Amino acid sequence: MIKATVSLDSVWNLVQSLSIDNQKWLADKVYEEIAQKRRNDKKLVFPHRPVDKEVSPEVMEIVMDRLPVDIDIEAELGKMWEERAK
C-alpha cells in the first residue's frame, strides 16, 4: 500500500469538480466519520489488573485511608442528605 500526500487545495479542487449529489454524499460520509470518531473518543477504558497481582502498600494508602477516630458517621450522613435536599 502506497501512502501519498495531497494538498488540501488539490482535494478542494477535486470536490468542486464533483456533482452536487456526489458532494452531498461525500459531506455526509465525512460527518458520519467525524461522529464515529467522537463516539469512540468518549469511551472510558479502564486498565485491567491481573487477579494474582499484589497491590502495593503505597497504592493501598491512597485509595483506602482510615476515617478519623472522632468522626460521627451518622451526623455526617445527615448533613450530606440535608445539603442534597436543598
N, C-alpha and C. Protein backbone atom coordinates (compact mmCIF):
# COMPACT_ATOMS: atom_id res chain seq x y z
N MET A 1 0.85 -1.18 0.00
CA MET A 1 0.00 0.00 0.00
C MET A 1 0.89 1.24 0.00
N ILE A 2 0.63 2.12 -0.92
CA ILE A 2 1.41 3.35 -1.04
C ILE A 2 0.62 4.49 -0.45
N LYS A 3 1.27 5.23 0.43
CA LYS A 3 0.63 6.41 1.02
C LYS A 3 1.13 7.64 0.27
N ALA A 4 0.19 8.48 -0.13
CA ALA A 4 0.55 9.69 -0.85
C ALA A 4 0.06 10.90 -0.08
N THR A 5 0.77 11.99 -0.20
CA THR A 5 0.37 13.23 0.42
C THR A 5 -0.23 14.13 -0.65
N VAL A 6 -1.43 14.64 -0.35
CA VAL A 6 -2.13 15.52 -1.28
C VAL A 6 -2.45 16.80 -0.53
N SER A 7 -2.27 17.93 -1.19
CA SER A 7 -2.57 19.19 -0.52
C SER A 7 -4.08 19.37 -0.41
N LEU A 8 -4.49 20.12 0.60
CA LEU A 8 -5.92 20.38 0.78
C LEU A 8 -6.49 21.18 -0.39
N ASP A 9 -5.67 22.02 -1.01
CA ASP A 9 -6.13 22.74 -2.20
C ASP A 9 -6.49 21.77 -3.32
N SER A 10 -5.69 20.75 -3.50
CA SER A 10 -5.97 19.75 -4.53
C SER A 10 -7.26 19.00 -4.21
N VAL A 11 -7.44 18.65 -2.95
CA VAL A 11 -8.67 17.96 -2.54
C VAL A 11 -9.87 18.86 -2.78
N TRP A 12 -9.75 20.13 -2.42
CA TRP A 12 -10.85 21.07 -2.60
C TRP A 12 -11.20 21.23 -4.08
N ASN A 13 -10.20 21.31 -4.92
CA ASN A 13 -10.45 21.42 -6.37
C ASN A 13 -11.16 20.17 -6.88
N LEU A 14 -10.79 19.02 -6.37
CA LEU A 14 -11.45 17.77 -6.76
C LEU A 14 -12.90 17.76 -6.31
N VAL A 15 -13.14 18.20 -5.07
CA VAL A 15 -14.50 18.22 -4.54
C VAL A 15 -15.37 19.18 -5.35
N GLN A 16 -14.82 20.32 -5.73
CA GLN A 16 -15.59 21.29 -6.52
C GLN A 16 -15.95 20.74 -7.90
N SER A 17 -15.17 19.82 -8.40
CA SER A 17 -15.47 19.27 -9.72
C SER A 17 -16.56 18.20 -9.69
N LEU A 18 -16.95 17.76 -8.49
CA LEU A 18 -17.99 16.74 -8.36
C LEU A 18 -19.38 17.35 -8.55
N SER A 19 -20.34 16.49 -8.87
CA SER A 19 -21.72 16.95 -8.97
C SER A 19 -22.24 17.26 -7.57
N ILE A 20 -23.36 17.98 -7.52
CA ILE A 20 -23.96 18.34 -6.23
C ILE A 20 -24.30 17.09 -5.42
N ASP A 21 -24.87 16.08 -6.08
CA ASP A 21 -25.22 14.84 -5.39
C ASP A 21 -23.99 14.15 -4.81
N ASN A 22 -22.91 14.12 -5.57
CA ASN A 22 -21.68 13.49 -5.07
C ASN A 22 -21.04 14.31 -3.95
N GLN A 23 -21.13 15.64 -4.04
CA GLN A 23 -20.62 16.48 -2.96
C GLN A 23 -21.41 16.24 -1.68
N LYS A 24 -22.74 16.13 -1.80
CA LYS A 24 -23.58 15.87 -0.63
C LYS A 24 -23.25 14.50 -0.04
N TRP A 25 -23.08 13.50 -0.91
CA TRP A 25 -22.73 12.16 -0.43
C TRP A 25 -21.41 12.20 0.32
N LEU A 26 -20.42 12.89 -0.24
CA LEU A 26 -19.11 13.00 0.40
C LEU A 26 -19.20 13.73 1.74
N ALA A 27 -19.99 14.82 1.78
CA ALA A 27 -20.15 15.56 3.03
C ALA A 27 -20.81 14.68 4.09
N ASP A 28 -21.82 13.92 3.71
CA ASP A 28 -22.49 13.03 4.65
C ASP A 28 -21.50 12.00 5.20
N LYS A 29 -20.67 11.45 4.33
CA LYS A 29 -19.68 10.45 4.77
C LYS A 29 -18.67 11.08 5.73
N VAL A 30 -18.25 12.31 5.45
CA VAL A 30 -17.28 12.98 6.33
C VAL A 30 -17.90 13.22 7.70
N TYR A 31 -19.17 13.69 7.74
CA TYR A 31 -19.83 13.91 9.01
C TYR A 31 -20.03 12.60 9.78
N GLU A 32 -20.37 11.53 9.09
CA GLU A 32 -20.50 10.23 9.75
C GLU A 32 -19.19 9.79 10.37
N GLU A 33 -18.11 9.99 9.64
CA GLU A 33 -16.78 9.61 10.13
C GLU A 33 -16.41 10.42 11.38
N ILE A 34 -16.70 11.72 11.34
CA ILE A 34 -16.40 12.57 12.50
C ILE A 34 -17.23 12.15 13.70
N ALA A 35 -18.52 11.89 13.49
CA ALA A 35 -19.39 11.47 14.59
C ALA A 35 -18.91 10.15 15.18
N GLN A 36 -18.49 9.22 14.33
CA GLN A 36 -17.99 7.92 14.81
C GLN A 36 -16.73 8.09 15.65
N LYS A 37 -15.83 8.93 15.20
CA LYS A 37 -14.58 9.16 15.95
C LYS A 37 -14.86 9.83 17.29
N ARG A 38 -15.82 10.75 17.33
CA ARG A 38 -16.15 11.40 18.60
C ARG A 38 -16.77 10.41 19.57
N ARG A 39 -17.61 9.51 19.07
CA ARG A 39 -18.19 8.48 19.94
C ARG A 39 -17.10 7.59 20.51
N ASN A 40 -16.15 7.22 19.67
CA ASN A 40 -15.06 6.35 20.13
C ASN A 40 -14.16 7.05 21.13
N ASP A 41 -13.97 8.37 20.98
CA ASP A 41 -13.10 9.11 21.89
C ASP A 41 -13.69 9.18 23.29
N LYS A 42 -15.01 9.12 23.41
CA LYS A 42 -15.66 9.27 24.70
C LYS A 42 -15.75 7.97 25.48
N LYS A 43 -15.36 6.87 24.90
CA LYS A 43 -15.41 5.61 25.62
C LYS A 43 -14.36 5.59 26.72
N LEU A 44 -14.79 5.18 27.90
CA LEU A 44 -13.85 5.06 29.01
C LEU A 44 -13.16 3.70 28.93
N VAL A 45 -11.87 3.74 29.06
CA VAL A 45 -11.11 2.50 29.04
C VAL A 45 -10.45 2.34 30.40
N PHE A 46 -10.81 1.27 31.08
CA PHE A 46 -10.26 1.02 32.39
C PHE A 46 -9.12 0.00 32.29
N PRO A 47 -8.05 0.25 32.99
CA PRO A 47 -6.94 -0.70 32.94
C PRO A 47 -7.33 -2.01 33.63
N HIS A 48 -6.83 -3.08 33.12
CA HIS A 48 -7.11 -4.38 33.72
C HIS A 48 -5.87 -4.85 34.48
N ARG A 49 -6.13 -5.32 35.69
CA ARG A 49 -5.05 -5.78 36.54
C ARG A 49 -5.23 -7.28 36.73
N PRO A 50 -4.18 -8.04 36.54
CA PRO A 50 -4.30 -9.49 36.75
C PRO A 50 -4.76 -9.78 38.18
N VAL A 51 -5.58 -10.81 38.32
CA VAL A 51 -6.14 -11.16 39.63
C VAL A 51 -5.06 -11.49 40.64
N ASP A 52 -4.00 -12.13 40.21
CA ASP A 52 -2.97 -12.57 41.15
C ASP A 52 -1.93 -11.49 41.45
N LYS A 53 -2.06 -10.31 40.87
CA LYS A 53 -1.08 -9.25 41.11
C LYS A 53 -1.36 -8.54 42.43
N GLU A 54 -0.34 -8.40 43.23
CA GLU A 54 -0.45 -7.73 44.53
C GLU A 54 -0.52 -6.21 44.32
N VAL A 55 -1.33 -5.55 45.14
CA VAL A 55 -1.41 -4.10 45.11
C VAL A 55 -0.38 -3.56 46.10
N SER A 56 0.38 -2.58 45.65
CA SER A 56 1.46 -2.06 46.51
C SER A 56 0.88 -1.32 47.72
N PRO A 57 1.61 -1.30 48.82
CA PRO A 57 1.14 -0.58 50.01
C PRO A 57 0.91 0.91 49.75
N GLU A 58 1.73 1.50 48.88
CA GLU A 58 1.56 2.91 48.57
C GLU A 58 0.21 3.18 47.92
N VAL A 59 -0.17 2.31 46.99
CA VAL A 59 -1.47 2.46 46.32
C VAL A 59 -2.59 2.23 47.31
N MET A 60 -2.45 1.25 48.17
CA MET A 60 -3.48 0.97 49.17
C MET A 60 -3.69 2.18 50.08
N GLU A 61 -2.62 2.87 50.45
CA GLU A 61 -2.74 4.06 51.30
C GLU A 61 -3.50 5.17 50.58
N ILE A 62 -3.33 5.27 49.27
CA ILE A 62 -4.00 6.31 48.50
C ILE A 62 -5.50 6.05 48.43
N VAL A 63 -5.88 4.81 48.13
CA VAL A 63 -7.29 4.51 47.89
C VAL A 63 -8.06 4.06 49.12
N MET A 64 -7.38 3.57 50.12
CA MET A 64 -8.07 3.06 51.31
C MET A 64 -7.48 3.71 52.55
N ASP A 65 -7.95 4.89 52.85
CA ASP A 65 -7.44 5.59 54.02
C ASP A 65 -8.37 5.36 55.20
N ARG A 66 -7.86 5.50 56.39
CA ARG A 66 -8.68 5.35 57.60
C ARG A 66 -9.52 6.60 57.81
N LEU A 67 -10.70 6.43 58.40
CA LEU A 67 -11.50 7.57 58.81
C LEU A 67 -10.91 8.14 60.09
N PRO A 68 -11.06 9.43 60.31
CA PRO A 68 -10.60 9.98 61.58
C PRO A 68 -11.35 9.32 62.74
N VAL A 69 -10.67 9.17 63.86
CA VAL A 69 -11.22 8.46 65.01
C VAL A 69 -12.46 9.18 65.57
N ASP A 70 -12.44 10.51 65.58
CA ASP A 70 -13.51 11.26 66.24
C ASP A 70 -14.65 11.65 65.30
N ILE A 71 -14.78 11.02 64.16
CA ILE A 71 -15.83 11.38 63.21
C ILE A 71 -17.14 10.66 63.57
N ASP A 72 -18.26 11.39 63.47
CA ASP A 72 -19.58 10.81 63.70
C ASP A 72 -20.20 10.56 62.31
N ILE A 73 -20.16 9.33 61.87
CA ILE A 73 -20.60 9.00 60.52
C ILE A 73 -22.08 9.31 60.34
N GLU A 74 -22.90 9.00 61.33
CA GLU A 74 -24.34 9.27 61.23
C GLU A 74 -24.61 10.76 61.07
N ALA A 75 -23.90 11.60 61.82
CA ALA A 75 -24.09 13.05 61.71
C ALA A 75 -23.64 13.55 60.34
N GLU A 76 -22.53 13.02 59.85
CA GLU A 76 -22.03 13.42 58.53
C GLU A 76 -23.01 13.01 57.43
N LEU A 77 -23.59 11.80 57.54
CA LEU A 77 -24.58 11.37 56.55
C LEU A 77 -25.81 12.27 56.60
N GLY A 78 -26.22 12.65 57.81
CA GLY A 78 -27.36 13.56 57.95
C GLY A 78 -27.10 14.89 57.28
N LYS A 79 -25.90 15.45 57.49
CA LYS A 79 -25.53 16.71 56.84
C LYS A 79 -25.54 16.58 55.33
N MET A 80 -25.01 15.45 54.84
CA MET A 80 -24.95 15.21 53.40
C MET A 80 -26.35 15.23 52.79
N TRP A 81 -27.29 14.52 53.44
CA TRP A 81 -28.66 14.43 52.91
C TRP A 81 -29.36 15.79 53.00
N GLU A 82 -29.09 16.54 54.05
CA GLU A 82 -29.68 17.88 54.16
C GLU A 82 -29.17 18.79 53.04
N GLU A 83 -27.87 18.73 52.74
CA GLU A 83 -27.31 19.55 51.67
C GLU A 83 -27.87 19.17 50.32
N ARG A 84 -28.05 17.87 50.09
CA ARG A 84 -28.60 17.41 48.81
C ARG A 84 -30.06 17.77 48.66
N ALA A 85 -30.78 17.87 49.79
CA ALA A 85 -32.21 18.20 49.73
C ALA A 85 -32.44 19.66 49.39
N LYS A 86 -31.44 20.51 49.58
CA LYS A 86 -31.61 21.95 49.30
C LYS A 86 -31.77 22.23 47.85
